[in-house]
Amino acid sequence: MQRVFLKQSPSWANLISNKSGLIEVEINDKDPGFHSIIEELSTEIQPGVVGVKASHLCRRLSFEMADTSEES
């Protein structure tokens, strides 16, 4: 099993748990830093519908967080 750690906890994220290789992060959606990510990723998903695709958000969050695990 590998442990995953936040490289540097963003101001909008709090690590809740890290068990069995899965991490649980609480996101403060009122934080300006998180809002800037959402604004940056917002696109017109369908005509007249603006939002963020889950795959784009997950990819971006992986840049904000890092797997610093080492095999034990």
N, C-alpha and C. Protein backbone atom coordinates (compact mmCIF):
# COMPACT_ATOMS: atom_id res chain seq x y z
N MET A 1 0.83 -1.17 0.00
CA MET A 1 0.00 0.00 0.00
C MET A 1 0.89 1.25 0.00
N GLN A 2 0.48 2.23 -0.79
CA GLN A 2 1.21 3.48 -0.84
C GLN A 2 0.39 4.56 -0.18
N ARG A 3 1.07 5.41 0.57
CA ARG A 3 0.39 6.56 1.17
C ARG A 3 0.54 7.75 0.23
N VAL A 4 -0.50 8.54 0.15
CA VAL A 4 -0.51 9.71 -0.70
C VAL A 4 -0.55 10.94 0.20
N PHE A 5 0.30 11.90 -0.07
CA PHE A 5 0.36 13.11 0.73
C PHE A 5 0.16 14.32 -0.15
N LEU A 6 -0.42 15.34 0.41
CA LEU A 6 -0.51 16.59 -0.31
C LEU A 6 0.87 17.20 -0.37
N LYS A 7 1.28 17.60 -1.57
CA LYS A 7 2.58 18.24 -1.75
C LYS A 7 2.63 19.49 -0.88
N GLN A 8 1.63 20.29 -1.05
CA GLN A 8 1.50 21.51 -0.27
C GLN A 8 0.01 21.76 -0.22
N SER A 9 -0.57 21.67 0.93
CA SER A 9 -2.01 21.79 1.03
C SER A 9 -2.48 23.15 0.54
N PRO A 10 -3.26 23.17 -0.55
CA PRO A 10 -3.80 24.44 -1.02
C PRO A 10 -4.71 25.05 0.05
N SER A 11 -4.87 26.34 0.02
CA SER A 11 -5.67 27.02 1.04
C SER A 11 -7.11 26.53 1.05
N TRP A 12 -7.57 25.96 -0.06
CA TRP A 12 -8.96 25.53 -0.17
C TRP A 12 -9.17 24.05 0.13
N ALA A 13 -8.12 23.32 0.50
CA ALA A 13 -8.24 21.88 0.72
C ALA A 13 -7.76 21.47 2.11
N ASN A 14 -8.50 20.57 2.73
CA ASN A 14 -8.10 19.98 4.00
C ASN A 14 -8.14 18.47 3.85
N LEU A 15 -7.04 17.82 4.18
CA LEU A 15 -6.98 16.37 4.13
C LEU A 15 -7.79 15.80 5.29
N ILE A 16 -8.80 14.98 4.96
CA ILE A 16 -9.67 14.39 5.97
C ILE A 16 -9.15 13.00 6.36
N SER A 17 -8.85 12.17 5.37
CA SER A 17 -8.32 10.84 5.67
C SER A 17 -7.44 10.35 4.52
N ASN A 18 -6.60 9.39 4.84
CA ASN A 18 -5.70 8.77 3.88
C ASN A 18 -5.60 7.30 4.26
N LYS A 19 -6.54 6.51 3.72
CA LYS A 19 -6.61 5.10 4.08
C LYS A 19 -6.65 4.24 2.83
N SER A 20 -5.95 3.15 2.85
CA SER A 20 -5.96 2.17 1.76
C SER A 20 -5.68 2.77 0.40
N GLY A 21 -4.81 3.76 0.36
CA GLY A 21 -4.46 4.37 -0.92
C GLY A 21 -5.47 5.37 -1.44
N LEU A 22 -6.53 5.62 -0.69
CA LEU A 22 -7.54 6.60 -1.09
C LEU A 22 -7.47 7.80 -0.17
N ILE A 23 -7.51 8.96 -0.74
CA ILE A 23 -7.52 10.15 0.10
C ILE A 23 -8.88 10.81 0.05
N GLU A 24 -9.26 11.41 1.15
CA GLU A 24 -10.50 12.18 1.22
C GLU A 24 -10.10 13.61 1.54
N VAL A 25 -10.52 14.52 0.67
CA VAL A 25 -10.17 15.92 0.82
C VAL A 25 -11.45 16.73 0.91
N GLU A 26 -11.50 17.61 1.90
CA GLU A 26 -12.62 18.53 2.02
C GLU A 26 -12.24 19.82 1.30
N ILE A 27 -13.12 20.27 0.40
CA ILE A 27 -12.85 21.47 -0.39
C ILE A 27 -13.69 22.62 0.13
N ASN A 28 -13.03 23.73 0.40
CA ASN A 28 -13.73 24.96 0.79
C ASN A 28 -14.08 25.69 -0.49
N ASP A 29 -15.32 25.52 -0.95
CA ASP A 29 -15.71 26.10 -2.23
C ASP A 29 -15.93 27.61 -2.16
N LYS A 30 -15.73 28.21 -0.99
CA LYS A 30 -15.84 29.66 -0.85
C LYS A 30 -14.47 30.34 -0.98
N ASP A 31 -13.41 29.56 -1.02
CA ASP A 31 -12.05 30.10 -1.11
C ASP A 31 -11.80 30.66 -2.51
N PRO A 32 -11.24 31.87 -2.59
CA PRO A 32 -10.96 32.48 -3.89
C PRO A 32 -10.03 31.64 -4.78
N GLY A 33 -9.10 30.92 -4.17
CA GLY A 33 -8.20 30.07 -4.95
C GLY A 33 -8.94 28.98 -5.67
N PHE A 34 -9.92 28.38 -5.01
CA PHE A 34 -10.72 27.33 -5.65
C PHE A 34 -11.60 27.94 -6.73
N HIS A 35 -12.16 29.12 -6.46
CA HIS A 35 -12.99 29.80 -7.46
C HIS A 35 -12.20 30.10 -8.72
N SER A 36 -10.94 30.48 -8.58
CA SER A 36 -10.14 30.80 -9.76
C SER A 36 -9.91 29.55 -10.62
N ILE A 37 -9.76 28.39 -9.98
CA ILE A 37 -9.62 27.14 -10.73
C ILE A 37 -10.91 26.86 -11.50
N ILE A 38 -12.04 27.01 -10.83
CA ILE A 38 -13.32 26.75 -11.49
C ILE A 38 -13.53 27.71 -12.66
N GLU A 39 -13.23 28.97 -12.46
CA GLU A 39 -13.39 29.96 -13.54
C GLU A 39 -12.48 29.62 -14.71
N GLU A 40 -11.27 29.20 -14.42
CA GLU A 40 -10.31 28.85 -15.46
C GLU A 40 -10.77 27.65 -16.28
N LEU A 41 -11.44 26.69 -15.64
CA LEU A 41 -11.85 25.46 -16.30
C LEU A 41 -13.25 25.53 -16.91
N SER A 42 -14.00 26.57 -16.61
CA SER A 42 -15.37 26.68 -17.10
C SER A 42 -15.40 26.77 -18.62
N THR A 43 -16.28 25.96 -19.20
CA THR A 43 -16.48 25.96 -20.65
C THR A 43 -17.97 25.81 -20.93
N GLU A 44 -18.32 26.05 -22.17
CA GLU A 44 -19.71 25.82 -22.57
C GLU A 44 -19.84 24.34 -22.90
N ILE A 45 -20.47 23.59 -21.99
CA ILE A 45 -20.60 22.15 -22.13
C ILE A 45 -21.61 21.81 -23.22
N GLN A 46 -22.71 22.52 -23.23
CA GLN A 46 -23.75 22.44 -24.24
C GLN A 46 -24.13 23.87 -24.57
N PRO A 47 -24.78 24.09 -25.68
CA PRO A 47 -25.20 25.46 -25.99
C PRO A 47 -26.00 26.07 -24.83
N GLY A 48 -25.49 27.15 -24.28
CA GLY A 48 -26.15 27.85 -23.18
C GLY A 48 -25.89 27.28 -21.81
N VAL A 49 -25.10 26.20 -21.70
CA VAL A 49 -24.82 25.58 -20.40
C VAL A 49 -23.32 25.68 -20.13
N VAL A 50 -22.98 26.43 -19.10
CA VAL A 50 -21.57 26.60 -18.74
C VAL A 50 -21.28 25.80 -17.48
N GLY A 51 -20.18 25.08 -17.48
CA GLY A 51 -19.82 24.28 -16.31
C GLY A 51 -18.40 23.78 -16.43
N VAL A 52 -18.06 22.86 -15.56
CA VAL A 52 -16.73 22.27 -15.53
C VAL A 52 -16.88 20.76 -15.69
N LYS A 53 -16.16 20.20 -16.63
CA LYS A 53 -16.19 18.74 -16.81
C LYS A 53 -15.40 18.09 -15.67
N ALA A 54 -15.93 17.02 -15.13
CA ALA A 54 -15.29 16.33 -14.01
C ALA A 54 -13.88 15.90 -14.36
N SER A 55 -13.67 15.42 -15.57
CA SER A 55 -12.33 14.96 -15.96
C SER A 55 -11.33 16.11 -15.95
N HIS A 56 -11.77 17.30 -16.36
CA HIS A 56 -10.87 18.46 -16.35
C HIS A 56 -10.55 18.88 -14.92
N LEU A 57 -11.56 18.84 -14.05
CA LEU A 57 -11.33 19.22 -12.65
C LEU A 57 -10.38 18.23 -11.98
N CYS A 58 -10.58 16.94 -12.21
CA CYS A 58 -9.69 15.94 -11.60
C CYS A 58 -8.26 16.09 -12.10
N ARG A 59 -8.11 16.36 -13.39
CA ARG A 59 -6.77 16.54 -13.95
C ARG A 59 -6.11 17.76 -13.31
N ARG A 60 -6.85 18.84 -13.16
CA ARG A 60 -6.28 20.06 -12.56
C ARG A 60 -5.93 19.84 -11.10
N LEU A 61 -6.80 19.15 -10.37
CA LEU A 61 -6.51 18.88 -8.96
C LEU A 61 -5.27 18.02 -8.81
N SER A 62 -5.01 17.15 -9.76
CA SER A 62 -3.79 16.33 -9.68
C SER A 62 -2.54 17.18 -9.82
N PHE A 63 -2.64 18.34 -10.49
CA PHE A 63 -1.51 19.26 -10.55
C PHE A 63 -1.34 19.98 -9.23
N GLU A 64 -2.44 20.25 -8.55
CA GLU A 64 -2.39 20.96 -7.27
C GLU A 64 -1.91 20.05 -6.14
N MET A 65 -2.12 18.74 -6.30
CA MET A 65 -1.73 17.78 -5.27
C MET A 65 -0.75 16.80 -5.90
N ALA A 66 0.08 16.19 -5.11
CA ALA A 66 1.09 15.30 -5.65
C ALA A 66 1.15 14.00 -4.88
N ASP A 67 1.45 12.92 -5.58
CA ASP A 67 1.67 11.63 -4.95
C ASP A 67 3.14 11.55 -4.61
N THR A 68 3.44 11.69 -3.33
CA THR A 68 4.83 11.63 -2.88
C THR A 68 5.13 10.31 -2.19
N SER A 69 4.38 9.29 -2.59
CA SER A 69 4.53 8.00 -1.91
C SER A 69 5.84 7.33 -2.30
N GLU A 70 6.30 6.53 -1.39
CA GLU A 70 7.48 5.71 -1.63
C GLU A 70 7.13 4.30 -1.22
N GLU A 71 7.63 3.34 -1.98
CA GLU A 71 7.36 1.95 -1.62
C GLU A 71 8.06 1.62 -0.33
N SER A 72 7.30 0.97 0.56
CA SER A 72 7.87 0.62 1.88
C SER A 72 8.44 -0.76 1.88
